[in-house]
Structure formats: C-alpha cells, structure tokens
Amino acid sequence: MQALVVPDPSAQTMEQLQWQERPMPNLGPTEVLIKTQAVGLNPVDFKLVAAGNAAWQYPHTLGLDTAGIVEAVGAEVTNFRPGERVCGHANLANNGTFAEYVSLPAAVLAKIPTTVSFEAAAASLCAGLTAYQALLRKANLNAAQTVLIHAGAGGVGSMAIQLAKAAGKTVFTTVSKAKQAFVAPLHPDAQIDYHHEDVTTRIQDLTQQHGVDLIINTIGHADADLPRLAYNGQLVCVLATPDHFPSNQVVTISKLDLGGAHRSGNPAQVADLGQMTAALLALVQAGKVDPLITQVLHRDQLVTGLQQLQAGQVVGKLVVTFDAC
C-alpha cells in the first residue's frame, strides 16, 4: 500500500516527506483494518515532522485522523464488521493514517451516520474532539454562562464556538479582523480583534467587570487569561498551563491532552475517544456542528495542504480524499 512517510530521523521538513510502498498494517485481536477514504489535516501533523517522536520506527507513516470502510476486524472485535463506515483519531506514537489502509483499536472508532460524508467525519476528529473534551469533559458547563474561546477561526476554536452556542452559552472569541467574516456565521456574541483591542479590557467591559466563567485557551500564554476569569472561573488549556497558580483567585485550571488517552494505559480513557467521536458525529448529523471544510484535496496534494497549514494560510478545515489520484 502507499503511505506518506517520514523516511528517517533526519527528515524534518515537508519537502523530505515521501510517498512509499509500505506493508499492510498488522491486525491485532482488538483492532479494525480500515480502507482509507478521507483524512483530516491538523497543525500537529506538520509539527510532528519537525519534532519527531522517540517511539517512532522509520519509515514512519504520518497522520492522526481517518475515515473509511472496515476491511477486516480482529478476532475479539464484535461491534464492527466489514463494509461499515467508521472514523477515528489515532495514536501519534504509532504509524498513522496517511495511508491507503490503517489499523486502529476498535475502542477509538465510531460508526459514521449515513447522512455524514467521509470528508465531514474526517474533518471532525482532532479539532472537534479537542473542543468537545475541553467543554464537555474538562469544564463544568453547569457553572459557566459566559465563555471566552481563543482563536475562533481555528479548527478547535470554531468547533468550540459551535459546541458552546449549542449548549446555550454566551460566547466571546478572539479573532483577527481579517478572519471575522469567516467566524460571523457561527454567531459568537462578540469577536475581539486581539491585534487592535486589549482583550482583558474588552472582556471586562462585556461582563460588567466580572470576567468570564470559562476560557478555552488554544494559543498558550495562559497567564494572560487569569485576570479575565470570574470568581470560580475555569481555564482549560490545550497547550501550556499558567506558570504561576493565582493564590489570590478562586479558579480551576485544567490541562487537556486528547491523544494522551492512547498512551495512558487506561482502557476507559481510550474508549472515551470512541464515545466522544460518536457523540460529536451525532451533533454533525443533527446540523448543530459543522466542521467547516474549506478545501478538499486529493491524495497527491496532501503535502501541499500541510505546507498551507504550516504557513498559516488556512481557515476552517482541510481534508484529503484517497480516491484515485
């Protein structure tokens, strides 16, 4: 089968990636072999090219998100069968999803609803699951009415806006002026142009000087969010947490690592990836969440798509199809 690989440890740029003929994945007793139909592209993909991973063996196949058709199932798999449409988020320590076939644990997979395309399913995974976990696993939404979501035009931010609005929350988001037209159809209650506005001042003005109940931070620099939190506020960090815990504030700080569930050794956490995927796809099917695909590329354009992501040229989601090139 053909797969997009990092050929050796010295290959750390997009230009060094190669399509190679690779062996078919091994199928373990609890795994599902999937014939790839579409994959989603994520910033973590190009970041991993530069950073690598100590667990990799080379050539290493890239990719984290896949949607496709079940080709075969392991001896202990009872909830999937050949011919079904499935999708899932892979373990970055293992060979990935940018290949004609991929083998994933059955626990992390979900069946794709009949009205959801392979492309929409693939586009919903990494960013959508991160947003879902932030809001519906890490945060206590019962205690939050106002939410600040950073980088509203990004994959995680745009999904988080939709999930928070679907939950009936008042949503503010930081977005550059050039991207505000893209975010406007998601109906945030306010967009803050962080290039030209002081975010803390604007948040205080929007909340009558109380601060927001919940912040989803996808950008780092988390210390800057502390004065934006209300009493009993919550801060969920996708990247680094604040350097200093505020002893003079009553707040909750959480760290999120979606893919860490794969490496946790905890079967319940691994299975929750599949459960969150199924719940997210149900919201996509119901029209409550849109993964906002802005471009669908063919397999031979996959590296170009990663380069576009790396250059910051993308709003919304890039998807690659694995039909014939």
C-alpha atoms as a PDB file:
ATOM      1  CA  MET A   1       0.000   0.000   0.000  1.00  0.00           C
ATOM      2  CA  GLN A   2       1.035   3.625  -0.492  1.00  0.00           C
ATOM      3  CA  ALA A   3       1.704   5.774   2.596  1.00  0.00           C
ATOM      4  CA  LEU A   4       3.133   9.233   3.253  1.00  0.00           C
ATOM      5  CA  VAL A   5       6.172   8.749   5.478  1.00  0.00           C
ATOM      6  CA  VAL A   6       8.947  10.488   7.324  1.00  0.00           C
ATOM      7  CA  PRO A   7      11.719   8.372   5.765  1.00  0.00           C
ATOM      8  CA  ASP A   8      14.329   8.710   8.524  1.00  0.00           C
ATOM      9  CA  PRO A   9      15.078  10.751  11.669  1.00  0.00           C
ATOM     10  CA  SER A  10      16.945  13.414   9.698  1.00  0.00           C
ATOM     11  CA  ALA A  11      13.844  14.249   7.615  1.00  0.00           C
ATOM     12  CA  GLN A  12      12.297  17.216   9.428  1.00  0.00           C
ATOM     13  CA  THR A  13      10.733  19.291   6.634  1.00  0.00           C
ATOM     14  CA  MET A  14       7.716  18.961   4.380  1.00  0.00           C
ATOM     15  CA  GLU A  15       9.957  18.645   1.343  1.00  0.00           C
ATOM     16  CA  GLN A  16      11.557  15.495   2.765  1.00  0.00           C
ATOM     17  CA  LEU A  17       8.289  13.569   3.151  1.00  0.00           C
ATOM     18  CA  GLN A  18       7.867  10.688   0.714  1.00  0.00           C
ATOM     19  CA  TRP A  19       5.112   8.509  -0.651  1.00  0.00           C
ATOM     20  CA  GLN A  20       6.391   4.952  -0.306  1.00  0.00           C
ATOM     21  CA  GLU A  21       5.124   1.433  -0.763  1.00  0.00           C
ATOM     22  CA  ARG A  22       4.662   0.062   2.752  1.00  0.00           C
ATOM     23  CA  PRO A  23       3.481  -3.298   4.152  1.00  0.00           C
ATOM     24  CA  MET A  24      -0.175  -3.643   5.087  1.00  0.00           C
ATOM     25  CA  PRO A  25      -0.766  -2.899   8.788  1.00  0.00           C
ATOM     26  CA  ASN A  26      -0.825  -5.806  11.196  1.00  0.00           C
ATOM     27  CA  LEU A  27      -4.291  -6.516  12.580  1.00  0.00           C
ATOM     28  CA  GLY A  28      -4.349  -7.223  16.311  1.00  0.00           C
ATOM     29  CA  PRO A  29      -7.209  -9.083  18.019  1.00  0.00           C
ATOM     30  CA  THR A  30      -8.845  -5.852  19.238  1.00  0.00           C
ATOM     31  CA  GLU A  31      -8.165  -3.802  16.109  1.00  0.00           C
ATOM     32  CA  VAL A  32     -10.001  -2.856  12.932  1.00  0.00           C
ATOM     33  CA  LEU A  33      -8.417  -2.611   9.477  1.00  0.00           C
ATOM     34  CA  ILE A  34      -9.777   0.407   7.589  1.00  0.00           C
ATOM     35  CA  LYS A  35      -9.573   1.225   3.883  1.00  0.00           C
ATOM     36  CA  THR A  36      -8.961   4.963   3.900  1.00  0.00           C
ATOM     37  CA  GLN A  37     -11.470   7.250   2.175  1.00  0.00           C
ATOM     38  CA  ALA A  38     -10.596  10.630   3.706  1.00  0.00           C
ATOM     39  CA  VAL A  39      -8.187  12.110   6.223  1.00  0.00           C
ATOM     40  CA  GLY A  40      -8.217  15.401   8.087  1.00  0.00           C
ATOM     41  CA  LEU A  41      -5.116  17.603   8.237  1.00  0.00           C
ATOM     42  CA  ASN A  42      -4.085  19.179  11.541  1.00  0.00           C
ATOM     43  CA  PRO A  43      -1.330  21.544  12.719  1.00  0.00           C
ATOM     44  CA  VAL A  44       0.039  18.740  14.891  1.00  0.00           C
ATOM     45  CA  ASP A  45       0.845  16.819  11.695  1.00  0.00           C
ATOM     46  CA  PHE A  46       3.426  19.314  10.437  1.00  0.00           C
ATOM     47  CA  LYS A  47       4.688  19.954  13.976  1.00  0.00           C
ATOM     48  CA  LEU A  48       5.444  16.247  14.355  1.00  0.00           C
ATOM     49  CA  VAL A  49       7.516  16.286  11.163  1.00  0.00           C
ATOM     50  CA  ALA A  50       9.880  18.795  12.760  1.00  0.00           C
ATOM     51  CA  ALA A  51       9.788  17.340  16.272  1.00  0.00           C
ATOM     52  CA  GLY A  52       9.562  13.595  15.628  1.00  0.00           C
ATOM     53  CA  ASN A  53       8.742  11.152  18.402  1.00  0.00           C
ATOM     54  CA  ALA A  54      11.015   8.860  20.383  1.00  0.00           C
ATOM     55  CA  ALA A  55       8.652   5.927  19.842  1.00  0.00           C
ATOM     56  CA  TRP A  56       8.786   6.096  16.028  1.00  0.00           C
ATOM     57  CA  GLN A  57      10.388   3.481  13.855  1.00  0.00           C
ATOM     58  CA  TYR A  58      11.339   4.605  10.369  1.00  0.00           C
ATOM     59  CA  PRO A  59       9.962   4.987   7.785  1.00  0.00           C
ATOM     60  CA  HIS A  60       7.118   6.408   9.901  1.00  0.00           C
ATOM     61  CA  THR A  61       3.662   6.987   8.447  1.00  0.00           C
ATOM     62  CA  LEU A  62       2.171  10.377   9.370  1.00  0.00           C
ATOM     63  CA  GLY A  63      -1.443  11.251  10.155  1.00  0.00           C
ATOM     64  CA  LEU A  64      -3.907  11.200  13.051  1.00  0.00           C
ATOM     65  CA  ASP A  65      -7.452  11.360  11.639  1.00  0.00           C
ATOM     66  CA  THR A  66      -9.111   8.915   9.286  1.00  0.00           C
ATOM     67  CA  ALA A  67     -12.498   7.975   7.888  1.00  0.00           C
ATOM     68  CA  GLY A  68     -13.035   4.883   5.786  1.00  0.00           C
ATOM     69  CA  ILE A  69     -14.549   1.459   5.286  1.00  0.00           C
ATOM     70  CA  VAL A  70     -13.948  -1.522   7.537  1.00  0.00           C
ATOM     71  CA  GLU A  71     -11.870  -4.059   5.606  1.00  0.00           C
ATOM     72  CA  ALA A  72     -11.396  -6.643   8.378  1.00  0.00           C
ATOM     73  CA  VAL A  73     -11.729  -6.961  12.149  1.00  0.00           C
ATOM     74  CA  GLY A  74      -9.628  -8.675  14.803  1.00  0.00           C
ATOM     75  CA  ALA A  75     -10.763 -11.882  16.465  1.00  0.00           C
ATOM     76  CA  GLU A  76     -12.050 -10.110  19.587  1.00  0.00           C
ATOM     77  CA  VAL A  77     -13.906  -7.289  17.806  1.00  0.00           C
ATOM     78  CA  THR A  78     -17.695  -7.695  17.943  1.00  0.00           C
ATOM     79  CA  ASN A  79     -19.030  -4.151  17.420  1.00  0.00           C
ATOM     80  CA  PHE A  80     -17.765  -3.558  13.866  1.00  0.00           C
ATOM     81  CA  ARG A  81     -17.954  -5.596  10.687  1.00  0.00           C
ATOM     82  CA  PRO A  82     -16.530  -5.361   7.165  1.00  0.00           C
ATOM     83  CA  GLY A  83     -18.231  -2.818   4.938  1.00  0.00           C
ATOM     84  CA  GLU A  84     -19.220  -0.397   7.719  1.00  0.00           C
ATOM     85  CA  ARG A  85     -18.208   3.262   7.564  1.00  0.00           C
ATOM     86  CA  VAL A  86     -16.060   4.312  10.535  1.00  0.00           C
ATOM     87  CA  CYS A  87     -13.717   7.052  11.672  1.00  0.00           C
ATOM     88  CA  GLY A  88     -11.245   7.594  14.478  1.00  0.00           C
ATOM     89  CA  HIS A  89      -8.337   9.528  15.972  1.00  0.00           C
ATOM     90  CA  ALA A  90      -5.020   7.670  16.018  1.00  0.00           C
ATOM     91  CA  ASN A  91      -2.069   7.389  18.402  1.00  0.00           C
ATOM     92  CA  LEU A  92       0.748   9.720  17.314  1.00  0.00           C
ATOM     93  CA  ALA A  93       3.340   7.262  18.657  1.00  0.00           C
ATOM     94  CA  ASN A  94       2.273   4.626  16.104  1.00  0.00           C
ATOM     95  CA  ASN A  95       2.195   4.578  12.317  1.00  0.00           C
ATOM     96  CA  GLY A  96      -0.529   6.974  11.256  1.00  0.00           C
ATOM     97  CA  THR A  97      -3.422   7.461   8.897  1.00  0.00           C
ATOM     98  CA  PHE A  98      -1.917   8.998   5.745  1.00  0.00           C
ATOM     99  CA  ALA A  99      -2.022   5.620   4.032  1.00  0.00           C
ATOM    100  CA  GLU A 100      -4.343   3.540   1.904  1.00  0.00           C
ATOM    101  CA  TYR A 101      -5.037   1.282   4.887  1.00  0.00           C
ATOM    102  CA  VAL A 102      -4.763   1.835   8.634  1.00  0.00           C
ATOM    103  CA  SER A 103      -5.305  -0.385  11.657  1.00  0.00           C
ATOM    104  CA  LEU A 104      -6.807   1.225  14.775  1.00  0.00           C
ATOM    105  CA  PRO A 105      -8.148  -0.077  18.098  1.00  0.00           C
ATOM    106  CA  ALA A 106     -11.878  -0.742  17.857  1.00  0.00           C
ATOM    107  CA  ALA A 107     -12.353   1.214  21.085  1.00  0.00           C
ATOM    108  CA  VAL A 108     -11.404   4.548  19.488  1.00  0.00           C
ATOM    109  CA  LEU A 109     -13.684   4.166  16.465  1.00  0.00           C
ATOM    110  CA  ALA A 110     -17.238   5.290  15.819  1.00  0.00           C
ATOM    111  CA  LYS A 111     -19.635   4.429  13.023  1.00  0.00           C
ATOM    112  CA  ILE A 112     -20.294   7.291  10.632  1.00  0.00           C
ATOM    113  CA  PRO A 113     -24.005   8.193  10.377  1.00  0.00           C
ATOM    114  CA  THR A 114     -25.462   7.582   6.944  1.00  0.00           C
ATOM    115  CA  THR A 115     -26.019  11.290   6.257  1.00  0.00           C
ATOM    116  CA  VAL A 116     -22.455  12.300   7.204  1.00  0.00           C
ATOM    117  CA  SER A 117     -19.820  12.116   4.468  1.00  0.00           C
ATOM    118  CA  PHE A 118     -16.374  10.590   4.863  1.00  0.00           C
ATOM    119  CA  GLU A 119     -14.946  14.080   4.415  1.00  0.00           C
ATOM    120  CA  ALA A 120     -17.085  15.596   7.188  1.00  0.00           C
ATOM    121  CA  ALA A 121     -16.276  12.721   9.523  1.00  0.00           C
ATOM    122  CA  ALA A 122     -12.522  13.032   8.930  1.00  0.00           C
ATOM    123  CA  ALA A 123     -12.693  16.805   9.401  1.00  0.00           C
ATOM    124  CA  SER A 124     -14.485  16.489  12.752  1.00  0.00           C
ATOM    125  CA  LEU A 125     -11.909  14.477  14.651  1.00  0.00           C
ATOM    126  CA  CYS A 126      -8.778  16.097  16.103  1.00  0.00           C
ATOM    127  CA  ALA A 127     -10.052  19.672  16.377  1.00  0.00           C
ATOM    128  CA  GLY A 128     -13.635  18.658  17.109  1.00  0.00           C
ATOM    129  CA  LEU A 129     -12.676  16.135  19.764  1.00  0.00           C
ATOM    130  CA  THR A 130     -10.329  18.636  21.406  1.00  0.00           C
ATOM    131  CA  ALA A 131     -13.145  21.189  21.585  1.00  0.00           C
ATOM    132  CA  TYR A 132     -15.594  18.535  22.794  1.00  0.00           C
ATOM    133  CA  GLN A 133     -13.220  17.318  25.504  1.00  0.00           C
ATOM    134  CA  ALA A 134     -12.485  20.874  26.638  1.00  0.00           C
ATOM    135  CA  LEU A 135     -16.142  21.814  27.012  1.00  0.00           C
ATOM    136  CA  LEU A 136     -17.846  18.538  27.881  1.00  0.00           C
ATOM    137  CA  ARG A 137     -15.179  16.635  29.782  1.00  0.00           C
ATOM    138  CA  LYS A 138     -12.850  19.170  31.388  1.00  0.00           C
ATOM    139  CA  ALA A 139     -15.177  22.107  32.013  1.00  0.00           C
ATOM    140  CA  ASN A 140     -18.210  22.238  34.281  1.00  0.00           C
ATOM    141  CA  LEU A 141     -20.713  23.853  31.938  1.00  0.00           C
ATOM    142  CA  ASN A 142     -23.362  23.956  34.670  1.00  0.00           C
ATOM    143  CA  ALA A 143     -21.251  26.605  36.391  1.00  0.00           C
ATOM    144  CA  ALA A 144     -20.493  28.600  33.239  1.00  0.00           C
ATOM    145  CA  GLN A 145     -22.694  31.039  31.380  1.00  0.00           C
ATOM    146  CA  THR A 146     -20.037  33.153  29.672  1.00  0.00           C
ATOM    147  CA  VAL A 147     -17.212  31.567  27.658  1.00  0.00           C
ATOM    148  CA  LEU A 148     -14.115  33.066  26.033  1.00  0.00           C
ATOM    149  CA  ILE A 149     -12.744  30.914  23.208  1.00  0.00           C
ATOM    150  CA  HIS A 150      -9.401  31.897  21.746  1.00  0.00           C
ATOM    151  CA  ALA A 151      -8.605  31.677  18.024  1.00  0.00           C
ATOM    152  CA  GLY A 152     -12.188  31.371  16.865  1.00  0.00           C
ATOM    153  CA  ALA A 153     -11.192  30.933  13.211  1.00  0.00           C
ATOM    154  CA  GLY A 154      -9.013  27.918  14.011  1.00  0.00           C
ATOM    155  CA  GLY A 155     -10.098  24.301  13.909  1.00  0.00           C
ATOM    156  CA  VAL A 156     -10.516  23.890  17.678  1.00  0.00           C
ATOM    157  CA  GLY A 157     -11.852  27.390  18.229  1.00  0.00           C
ATOM    158  CA  SER A 158     -14.513  27.217  15.532  1.00  0.00           C
ATOM    159  CA  MET A 159     -15.758  23.848  16.794  1.00  0.00           C
ATOM    160  CA  ALA A 160     -15.720  25.087  20.395  1.00  0.00           C
ATOM    161  CA  ILE A 161     -17.817  28.139  19.480  1.00  0.00           C
ATOM    162  CA  GLN A 162     -20.453  25.892  17.934  1.00  0.00           C
ATOM    163  CA  LEU A 163     -20.495  23.470  20.857  1.00  0.00           C
ATOM    164  CA  ALA A 164     -20.735  26.280  23.399  1.00  0.00           C
ATOM    165  CA  LYS A 165     -23.541  28.004  21.482  1.00  0.00           C
ATOM    166  CA  ALA A 166     -25.376  24.672  21.168  1.00  0.00           C
ATOM    167  CA  ALA A 167     -25.150  24.431  24.967  1.00  0.00           C
ATOM    168  CA  GLY A 168     -26.805  27.852  25.278  1.00  0.00           C
ATOM    169  CA  LYS A 169     -23.755  29.805  26.443  1.00  0.00           C
ATOM    170  CA  THR A 170     -22.766  33.414  25.790  1.00  0.00           C
ATOM    171  CA  VAL A 171     -19.622  33.144  23.691  1.00  0.00           C
ATOM    172  CA  PHE A 172     -16.827  35.645  23.110  1.00  0.00           C
ATOM    173  CA  THR A 173     -13.893  34.844  20.848  1.00  0.00           C
ATOM    174  CA  THR A 174     -10.565  36.341  19.830  1.00  0.00           C
ATOM    175  CA  VAL A 175     -10.243  36.657  16.044  1.00  0.00           C
ATOM    176  CA  SER A 176      -8.140  38.877  13.806  1.00  0.00           C
ATOM    177  CA  LYS A 177     -10.155  41.352  11.759  1.00  0.00           C
ATOM    178  CA  ALA A 178      -9.272  39.544   8.515  1.00  0.00           C
ATOM    179  CA  LYS A 179     -10.946  36.348   9.758  1.00  0.00           C
ATOM    180  CA  GLN A 180     -14.019  37.800  11.434  1.00  0.00           C
ATOM    181  CA  ALA A 181     -16.218  37.313   8.360  1.00  0.00           C
ATOM    182  CA  PHE A 182     -15.423  33.594   8.471  1.00  0.00           C
ATOM    183  CA  VAL A 183     -16.394  33.355  12.145  1.00  0.00           C
ATOM    184  CA  ALA A 184     -19.519  35.539  11.981  1.00  0.00           C
ATOM    185  CA  PRO A 185     -21.870  32.750  10.749  1.00  0.00           C
ATOM    186  CA  LEU A 186     -21.082  30.821  13.952  1.00  0.00           C
ATOM    187  CA  HIS A 187     -22.863  33.638  15.832  1.00  0.00           C
ATOM    188  CA  PRO A 188     -20.445  34.403  18.674  1.00  0.00           C
ATOM    189  CA  ASP A 189     -21.807  37.123  20.930  1.00  0.00           C
ATOM    190  CA  ALA A 190     -18.657  39.187  20.440  1.00  0.00           C
ATOM    191  CA  GLN A 191     -15.491  38.975  18.342  1.00  0.00           C
ATOM    192  CA  ILE A 192     -12.382  40.597  19.786  1.00  0.00           C
ATOM    193  CA  ASP A 193      -9.688  41.719  17.369  1.00  0.00           C
ATOM    194  CA  TYR A 194      -6.665  40.904  19.522  1.00  0.00           C
ATOM    195  CA  HIS A 195      -4.353  42.831  17.177  1.00  0.00           C
ATOM    196  CA  HIS A 196      -6.081  46.129  17.869  1.00  0.00           C
ATOM    197  CA  GLU A 197      -8.056  45.643  21.087  1.00  0.00           C
ATOM    198  CA  ASP A 198      -6.951  44.899  24.629  1.00  0.00           C
ATOM    199  CA  VAL A 199      -8.564  41.519  25.258  1.00  0.00           C
ATOM    200  CA  THR A 200      -8.703  41.867  29.047  1.00  0.00           C
ATOM    201  CA  THR A 201     -10.307  45.309  28.897  1.00  0.00           C
ATOM    202  CA  ARG A 202     -12.865  44.145  26.337  1.00  0.00           C
ATOM    203  CA  ILE A 203     -13.774  41.070  28.395  1.00  0.00           C
ATOM    204  CA  GLN A 204     -14.257  43.187  31.497  1.00  0.00           C
ATOM    205  CA  ASP A 205     -16.485  45.575  29.529  1.00  0.00           C
ATOM    206  CA  LEU A 206     -18.537  42.683  28.120  1.00  0.00           C
ATOM    207  CA  THR A 207     -19.051  41.122  31.566  1.00  0.00           C
ATOM    208  CA  GLN A 208     -19.718  44.239  33.668  1.00  0.00           C
ATOM    209  CA  GLN A 209     -16.240  43.841  35.186  1.00  0.00           C
ATOM    210  CA  HIS A 210     -16.968  40.322  36.495  1.00  0.00           C
ATOM    211  CA  GLY A 211     -14.861  38.332  33.999  1.00  0.00           C
ATOM    212  CA  VAL A 212     -15.872  35.198  32.094  1.00  0.00           C
ATOM    213  CA  ASP A 213     -16.861  31.915  33.707  1.00  0.00           C
ATOM    214  CA  LEU A 214     -14.842  29.735  31.325  1.00  0.00           C
ATOM    215  CA  ILE A 215     -11.892  30.226  28.979  1.00  0.00           C
ATOM    216  CA  ILE A 216     -10.773  27.717  26.354  1.00  0.00           C
ATOM    217  CA  ASN A 217      -7.138  28.585  25.645  1.00  0.00           C
ATOM    218  CA  THR A 218      -5.723  27.108  22.423  1.00  0.00           C
ATOM    219  CA  ILE A 219      -2.863  29.581  21.971  1.00  0.00           C
ATOM    220  CA  GLY A 220      -0.628  29.378  25.052  1.00  0.00           C
ATOM    221  CA  HIS A 221       0.342  32.487  27.097  1.00  0.00           C
ATOM    222  CA  ALA A 222      -2.196  31.255  29.627  1.00  0.00           C
ATOM    223  CA  ASP A 223      -1.084  33.657  32.384  1.00  0.00           C
ATOM    224  CA  ALA A 224      -2.734  36.479  30.409  1.00  0.00           C
ATOM    225  CA  ASP A 225      -6.105  34.766  30.855  1.00  0.00           C
ATOM    226  CA  LEU A 226      -6.065  34.767  34.659  1.00  0.00           C
ATOM    227  CA  PRO A 227      -7.302  38.371  35.101  1.00  0.00           C
ATOM    228  CA  ARG A 228     -10.070  37.649  32.593  1.00  0.00           C
ATOM    229  CA  LEU A 229     -11.664  34.966  34.786  1.00  0.00           C
ATOM    230  CA  ALA A 230     -14.660  35.492  37.012  1.00  0.00           C
ATOM    231  CA  TYR A 231     -14.788  34.313  40.618  1.00  0.00           C
ATOM    232  CA  ASN A 232     -14.898  30.480  40.481  1.00  0.00           C
ATOM    233  CA  GLY A 233     -13.864  30.747  36.831  1.00  0.00           C
ATOM    234  CA  GLN A 234     -12.431  27.874  34.826  1.00  0.00           C
ATOM    235  CA  LEU A 235      -9.437  27.857  32.478  1.00  0.00           C
ATOM    236  CA  VAL A 236      -8.940  24.890  30.128  1.00  0.00           C
ATOM    237  CA  CYS A 237      -5.547  24.867  28.405  1.00  0.00           C
ATOM    238  CA  VAL A 238      -4.873  22.927  25.211  1.00  0.00           C
ATOM    239  CA  LEU A 239      -1.208  23.999  25.331  1.00  0.00           C
ATOM    240  CA  ALA A 240       0.726  25.115  28.426  1.00  0.00           C
ATOM    241  CA  THR A 241      -0.964  25.987  31.717  1.00  0.00           C
ATOM    242  CA  PRO A 242      -0.106  29.235  33.535  1.00  0.00           C
ATOM    243  CA  ASP A 243       3.382  29.474  35.003  1.00  0.00           C
ATOM    244  CA  HIS A 244       2.004  30.549  38.368  1.00  0.00           C
ATOM    245  CA  PHE A 245      -1.188  29.451  40.099  1.00  0.00           C
ATOM    246  CA  PRO A 246      -3.024  32.564  41.300  1.00  0.00           C
ATOM    247  CA  SER A 247      -3.187  32.222  45.096  1.00  0.00           C
ATOM    248  CA  ASN A 248      -5.443  35.271  45.301  1.00  0.00           C
ATOM    249  CA  GLN A 249      -8.054  33.855  42.901  1.00  0.00           C
ATOM    250  CA  VAL A 250     -10.674  31.133  43.291  1.00  0.00           C
ATOM    251  CA  VAL A 251     -10.325  29.410  39.910  1.00  0.00           C
ATOM    252  CA  THR A 252      -9.966  25.967  38.342  1.00  0.00           C
ATOM    253  CA  ILE A 253      -7.192  25.249  35.823  1.00  0.00           C
ATOM    254  CA  SER A 254      -7.254  22.144  33.606  1.00  0.00           C
ATOM    255  CA  LYS A 255      -4.778  20.742  31.089  1.00  0.00           C
ATOM    256  CA  LEU A 256      -6.021  18.895  28.015  1.00  0.00           C
ATOM    257  CA  ASP A 257      -4.120  16.241  26.031  1.00  0.00           C
ATOM    258  CA  LEU A 258      -6.511  14.492  23.663  1.00  0.00           C
ATOM    259  CA  GLY A 259      -4.092  11.957  22.202  1.00  0.00           C
ATOM    260  CA  GLY A 260      -2.587  11.223  25.599  1.00  0.00           C
ATOM    261  CA  ALA A 261      -5.506   8.887  26.213  1.00  0.00           C
ATOM    262  CA  HIS A 262      -3.879   6.426  23.796  1.00  0.00           C
ATOM    263  CA  ARG A 263      -0.736   6.337  25.890  1.00  0.00           C
ATOM    264  CA  SER A 264      -2.373   6.484  29.320  1.00  0.00           C
ATOM    265  CA  GLY A 265      -2.709   2.730  29.723  1.00  0.00           C
ATOM    266  CA  ASN A 266      -6.279   3.337  30.902  1.00  0.00           C
ATOM    267  CA  PRO A 267      -8.822   1.412  28.769  1.00  0.00           C
ATOM    268  CA  ALA A 268     -11.664   3.681  29.915  1.00  0.00           C
ATOM    269  CA  GLN A 269      -9.847   6.772  28.636  1.00  0.00           C
ATOM    270  CA  VAL A 270      -9.087   5.088  25.309  1.00  0.00           C
ATOM    271  CA  ALA A 271     -12.731   4.039  24.961  1.00  0.00           C
ATOM    272  CA  ASP A 272     -13.828   7.605  25.702  1.00  0.00           C
ATOM    273  CA  LEU A 273     -12.180   8.699  22.455  1.00  0.00           C
ATOM    274  CA  GLY A 274     -14.661   6.497  20.598  1.00  0.00           C
ATOM    275  CA  GLN A 275     -17.557   7.652  22.761  1.00  0.00           C
ATOM    276  CA  MET A 276     -16.752  11.317  22.184  1.00  0.00           C
ATOM    277  CA  THR A 277     -16.397  10.669  18.448  1.00  0.00           C
ATOM    278  CA  ALA A 278     -19.849   9.078  18.295  1.00  0.00           C
ATOM    279  CA  ALA A 279     -21.385  11.967  20.247  1.00  0.00           C
ATOM    280  CA  LEU A 280     -19.690  14.564  18.038  1.00  0.00           C
ATOM    281  CA  LEU A 281     -20.808  12.839  14.827  1.00  0.00           C
ATOM    282  CA  ALA A 282     -24.381  12.839  16.158  1.00  0.00           C
ATOM    283  CA  LEU A 283     -24.155  16.626  16.520  1.00  0.00           C
ATOM    284  CA  VAL A 284     -22.796  16.900  12.978  1.00  0.00           C
ATOM    285  CA  GLN A 285     -25.645  14.720  11.716  1.00  0.00           C
ATOM    286  CA  ALA A 286     -28.172  16.899  13.559  1.00  0.00           C
ATOM    287  CA  GLY A 287     -26.770  20.047  11.959  1.00  0.00           C
ATOM    288  CA  LYS A 288     -25.678  21.514  15.312  1.00  0.00           C
ATOM    289  CA  VAL A 289     -21.965  21.383  14.452  1.00  0.00           C
ATOM    290  CA  ASP A 290     -20.232  21.924  11.111  1.00  0.00           C
ATOM    291  CA  PRO A 291     -16.529  21.030  10.754  1.00  0.00           C
ATOM    292  CA  LEU A 292     -16.244  23.934   8.287  1.00  0.00           C
ATOM    293  CA  ILE A 293     -14.379  22.254   5.468  1.00  0.00           C
ATOM    294  CA  THR A 294     -12.901  24.979   3.262  1.00  0.00           C
ATOM    295  CA  GLN A 295     -10.881  22.803   0.894  1.00  0.00           C
ATOM    296  CA  VAL A 296     -10.908  19.167  -0.214  1.00  0.00           C
ATOM    297  CA  LEU A 297      -7.621  17.990  -1.697  1.00  0.00           C
ATOM    298  CA  HIS A 298      -6.614  14.799  -3.469  1.00  0.00           C
ATOM    299  CA  ARG A 299      -4.040  12.438  -2.039  1.00  0.00           C
ATOM    300  CA  ASP A 300      -1.244  13.778  -4.240  1.00  0.00           C
ATOM    301  CA  GLN A 301      -1.864  17.249  -2.748  1.00  0.00           C
ATOM    302  CA  LEU A 302      -1.516  16.161   0.879  1.00  0.00           C
ATOM    303  CA  VAL A 303       1.933  17.663   1.416  1.00  0.00           C
ATOM    304  CA  THR A 304       0.761  20.913  -0.180  1.00  0.00           C
ATOM    305  CA  GLY A 305      -2.065  21.011   2.341  1.00  0.00           C
ATOM    306  CA  LEU A 306       0.356  20.555   5.229  1.00  0.00           C
ATOM    307  CA  GLN A 307       2.500  23.363   3.834  1.00  0.00           C
ATOM    308  CA  GLN A 308      -0.546  25.640   3.681  1.00  0.00           C
ATOM    309  CA  LEU A 309      -1.300  24.860   7.323  1.00  0.00           C
ATOM    310  CA  GLN A 310       2.292  25.483   8.311  1.00  0.00           C
ATOM    311  CA  ALA A 311       2.273  28.857   6.535  1.00  0.00           C
ATOM    312  CA  GLY A 312      -0.906  29.950   8.348  1.00  0.00           C
ATOM    313  CA  GLN A 313      -2.848  30.194   5.094  1.00  0.00           C
ATOM    314  CA  VAL A 314      -5.842  28.111   6.214  1.00  0.00           C
ATOM    315  CA  VAL A 315      -9.114  28.964   7.904  1.00  0.00           C
ATOM    316  CA  GLY A 316     -11.521  26.149   8.559  1.00  0.00           C
ATOM    317  CA  LYS A 317     -10.560  22.588   7.784  1.00  0.00           C
ATOM    318  CA  LEU A 318      -8.516  20.875   5.086  1.00  0.00           C
ATOM    319  CA  VAL A 319      -9.488  17.332   4.085  1.00  0.00           C
ATOM    320  CA  VAL A 320      -7.716  14.917   1.746  1.00  0.00           C
ATOM    321  CA  THR A 321      -9.548  12.196  -0.164  1.00  0.00           C
ATOM    322  CA  PHE A 322      -7.968   8.875  -1.050  1.00  0.00           C
ATOM    323  CA  ASP A 323      -9.732   8.177  -4.308  1.00  0.00           C
ATOM    324  CA  ALA A 324      -7.525   7.599  -7.351  1.00  0.00           C
ATOM    325  CA  CYS A 325      -5.020  10.398  -7.973  1.00  0.00           C
END
